[in-house]
Amino acid sequence: MPNTRSAAKRVRQNEKRRLRNRMHKGRARSFVKKALKLIDQGNLEAAEDMVHQAISALDRAWERGVLHKNTVARKKSRLMKRLNEAKRSSEA
């Protein structure tokens, strides 16, 4: 239990922020997961669209301060790498 009024306010603020951060992080994670699933299934057209949505969600999480910019860059890079490898293997 907080001992002061200001500490109680910080508890309330932190809870609001935690829920907001969780929403943005979960949204990004969901899009990434869906994109990877589509890539693994070989549905590349739908996967490409989902990858763009995932990148958008990751960028939004970075803008909101939920994820670090290097984390977002790493996740986007790995996602594009998987998509491009899948495209290359389907062409061959």
C-alpha atoms as a PDB file:
ATOM      1  CA  MET A   1       0.000   0.000   0.000  1.00  0.00           C
ATOM      2  CA  PRO A   2       1.258   3.465  -0.858  1.00  0.00           C
ATOM      3  CA  ASN A   3       1.978   5.696   2.134  1.00  0.00           C
ATOM      4  CA  THR A   4       1.410   9.100   0.528  1.00  0.00           C
ATOM      5  CA  ARG A   5      -1.113  10.635  -1.852  1.00  0.00           C
ATOM      6  CA  SER A   6       1.570  11.109  -4.498  1.00  0.00           C
ATOM      7  CA  ALA A   7       2.601   7.456  -4.205  1.00  0.00           C
ATOM      8  CA  ALA A   8      -1.048   6.406  -4.621  1.00  0.00           C
ATOM      9  CA  LYS A   9      -1.262   8.553  -7.751  1.00  0.00           C
ATOM     10  CA  ARG A  10       1.899   6.930  -9.150  1.00  0.00           C
ATOM     11  CA  VAL A  11       0.336   3.504  -8.569  1.00  0.00           C
ATOM     12  CA  ARG A  12      -2.753   4.564 -10.546  1.00  0.00           C
ATOM     13  CA  GLN A  13      -0.665   6.047 -13.356  1.00  0.00           C
ATOM     14  CA  ASN A  14       1.577   3.009 -13.569  1.00  0.00           C
ATOM     15  CA  GLU A  15      -1.405   0.673 -13.838  1.00  0.00           C
ATOM     16  CA  LYS A  16      -2.903   2.744 -16.685  1.00  0.00           C
ATOM     17  CA  ARG A  17       0.423   2.757 -18.509  1.00  0.00           C
ATOM     18  CA  ARG A  18       0.946  -0.960 -17.947  1.00  0.00           C
ATOM     19  CA  LEU A  19      -2.398  -1.757 -19.571  1.00  0.00           C
ATOM     20  CA  ARG A  20      -1.744   0.611 -22.478  1.00  0.00           C
ATOM     21  CA  ASN A  21       1.740  -0.838 -23.038  1.00  0.00           C
ATOM     22  CA  ARG A  22       0.355  -4.364 -22.863  1.00  0.00           C
ATOM     23  CA  MET A  23      -2.185  -3.533 -25.574  1.00  0.00           C
ATOM     24  CA  HIS A  24       0.437  -2.187 -27.990  1.00  0.00           C
ATOM     25  CA  LYS A  25       2.904  -4.975 -27.271  1.00  0.00           C
ATOM     26  CA  GLY A  26       0.261  -7.679 -27.633  1.00  0.00           C
ATOM     27  CA  ARG A  27      -1.003  -6.223 -30.904  1.00  0.00           C
ATOM     28  CA  ALA A  28       2.501  -6.200 -32.362  1.00  0.00           C
ATOM     29  CA  ARG A  29       3.165  -9.736 -31.127  1.00  0.00           C
ATOM     30  CA  SER A  30      -0.099 -11.002 -32.659  1.00  0.00           C
ATOM     31  CA  PHE A  31       0.647  -9.559 -36.097  1.00  0.00           C
ATOM     32  CA  VAL A  32       4.186 -10.968 -36.070  1.00  0.00           C
ATOM     33  CA  LYS A  33       2.877 -14.400 -35.081  1.00  0.00           C
ATOM     34  CA  LYS A  34       0.205 -14.363 -37.828  1.00  0.00           C
ATOM     35  CA  ALA A  35       2.765 -13.268 -40.428  1.00  0.00           C
ATOM     36  CA  LEU A  36       5.170 -16.056 -39.474  1.00  0.00           C
ATOM     37  CA  LYS A  37       2.349 -18.609 -39.622  1.00  0.00           C
ATOM     38  CA  LEU A  38       1.366 -17.476 -43.136  1.00  0.00           C
ATOM     39  CA  ILE A  39       4.998 -17.579 -44.274  1.00  0.00           C
ATOM     40  CA  ASP A  40       5.375 -21.125 -42.952  1.00  0.00           C
ATOM     41  CA  GLN A  41       2.160 -22.177 -44.719  1.00  0.00           C
ATOM     42  CA  GLY A  42       3.504 -20.774 -47.982  1.00  0.00           C
ATOM     43  CA  ASN A  43       0.699 -18.251 -48.446  1.00  0.00           C
ATOM     44  CA  LEU A  44       3.101 -15.502 -49.502  1.00  0.00           C
ATOM     45  CA  GLU A  45       0.637 -12.904 -50.792  1.00  0.00           C
ATOM     46  CA  ALA A  46      -1.300 -12.870 -47.542  1.00  0.00           C
ATOM     47  CA  ALA A  47       1.965 -13.118 -45.610  1.00  0.00           C
ATOM     48  CA  GLU A  48       3.340 -10.021 -47.314  1.00  0.00           C
ATOM     49  CA  ASP A  49       0.253  -8.047 -46.331  1.00  0.00           C
ATOM     50  CA  MET A  50       0.452  -9.341 -42.756  1.00  0.00           C
ATOM     51  CA  VAL A  51       4.181  -8.498 -42.565  1.00  0.00           C
ATOM     52  CA  HIS A  52       3.371  -4.887 -43.460  1.00  0.00           C
ATOM     53  CA  GLN A  53       0.723  -4.799 -40.735  1.00  0.00           C
ATOM     54  CA  ALA A  54       3.212  -6.298 -38.264  1.00  0.00           C
ATOM     55  CA  ILE A  55       5.823  -3.695 -39.158  1.00  0.00           C
ATOM     56  CA  SER A  56       3.248  -0.954 -38.698  1.00  0.00           C
ATOM     57  CA  ALA A  57       2.274  -2.320 -35.267  1.00  0.00           C
ATOM     58  CA  LEU A  58       5.937  -2.598 -34.237  1.00  0.00           C
ATOM     59  CA  ASP A  59       6.611   0.977 -35.336  1.00  0.00           C
ATOM     60  CA  ARG A  60       3.579   2.169 -33.411  1.00  0.00           C
ATOM     61  CA  ALA A  61       4.811   0.370 -30.279  1.00  0.00           C
ATOM     62  CA  TRP A  62       8.189   2.106 -30.703  1.00  0.00           C
ATOM     63  CA  GLU A  63       6.528   5.515 -31.153  1.00  0.00           C
ATOM     64  CA  ARG A  64       4.566   4.998 -27.951  1.00  0.00           C
ATOM     65  CA  GLY A  65       7.722   4.071 -26.048  1.00  0.00           C
ATOM     66  CA  VAL A  66       6.601   0.492 -25.400  1.00  0.00           C
ATOM     67  CA  LEU A  67       9.442  -1.210 -27.283  1.00  0.00           C
ATOM     68  CA  HIS A  68      13.032  -0.075 -27.765  1.00  0.00           C
ATOM     69  CA  LYS A  69      13.955   1.032 -31.287  1.00  0.00           C
ATOM     70  CA  ASN A  70      16.670  -1.632 -31.639  1.00  0.00           C
ATOM     71  CA  THR A  71      14.223  -4.351 -30.582  1.00  0.00           C
ATOM     72  CA  VAL A  72      11.769  -3.155 -33.218  1.00  0.00           C
ATOM     73  CA  ALA A  73      14.507  -2.983 -35.863  1.00  0.00           C
ATOM     74  CA  ARG A  74      15.644  -6.527 -35.032  1.00  0.00           C
ATOM     75  CA  LYS A  75      12.115  -7.954 -35.194  1.00  0.00           C
ATOM     76  CA  LYS A  76      11.356  -6.180 -38.489  1.00  0.00           C
ATOM     77  CA  SER A  77      14.636  -7.355 -39.977  1.00  0.00           C
ATOM     78  CA  ARG A  78      14.066 -10.984 -39.005  1.00  0.00           C
ATOM     79  CA  LEU A  79      10.512 -10.875 -40.314  1.00  0.00           C
ATOM     80  CA  MET A  80      11.548  -9.479 -43.698  1.00  0.00           C
ATOM     81  CA  LYS A  81      14.402 -11.972 -43.895  1.00  0.00           C
ATOM     82  CA  ARG A  82      11.971 -14.886 -43.386  1.00  0.00           C
ATOM     83  CA  LEU A  83       9.585 -13.491 -46.001  1.00  0.00           C
ATOM     84  CA  ASN A  84      12.319 -12.924 -48.588  1.00  0.00           C
ATOM     85  CA  GLU A  85      13.788 -16.400 -48.028  1.00  0.00           C
ATOM     86  CA  ALA A  86      10.327 -17.926 -48.490  1.00  0.00           C
ATOM     87  CA  LYS A  87       9.835 -15.939 -51.717  1.00  0.00           C
ATOM     88  CA  ARG A  88      13.249 -17.056 -53.005  1.00  0.00           C
ATOM     89  CA  SER A  89      12.591 -20.732 -52.232  1.00  0.00           C
ATOM     90  CA  SER A  90       9.141 -20.641 -53.868  1.00  0.00           C
ATOM     91  CA  GLU A  91      10.621 -19.216 -57.087  1.00  0.00           C
ATOM     92  CA  ALA A  92      13.295 -21.896 -57.352  1.00  0.00           C
END
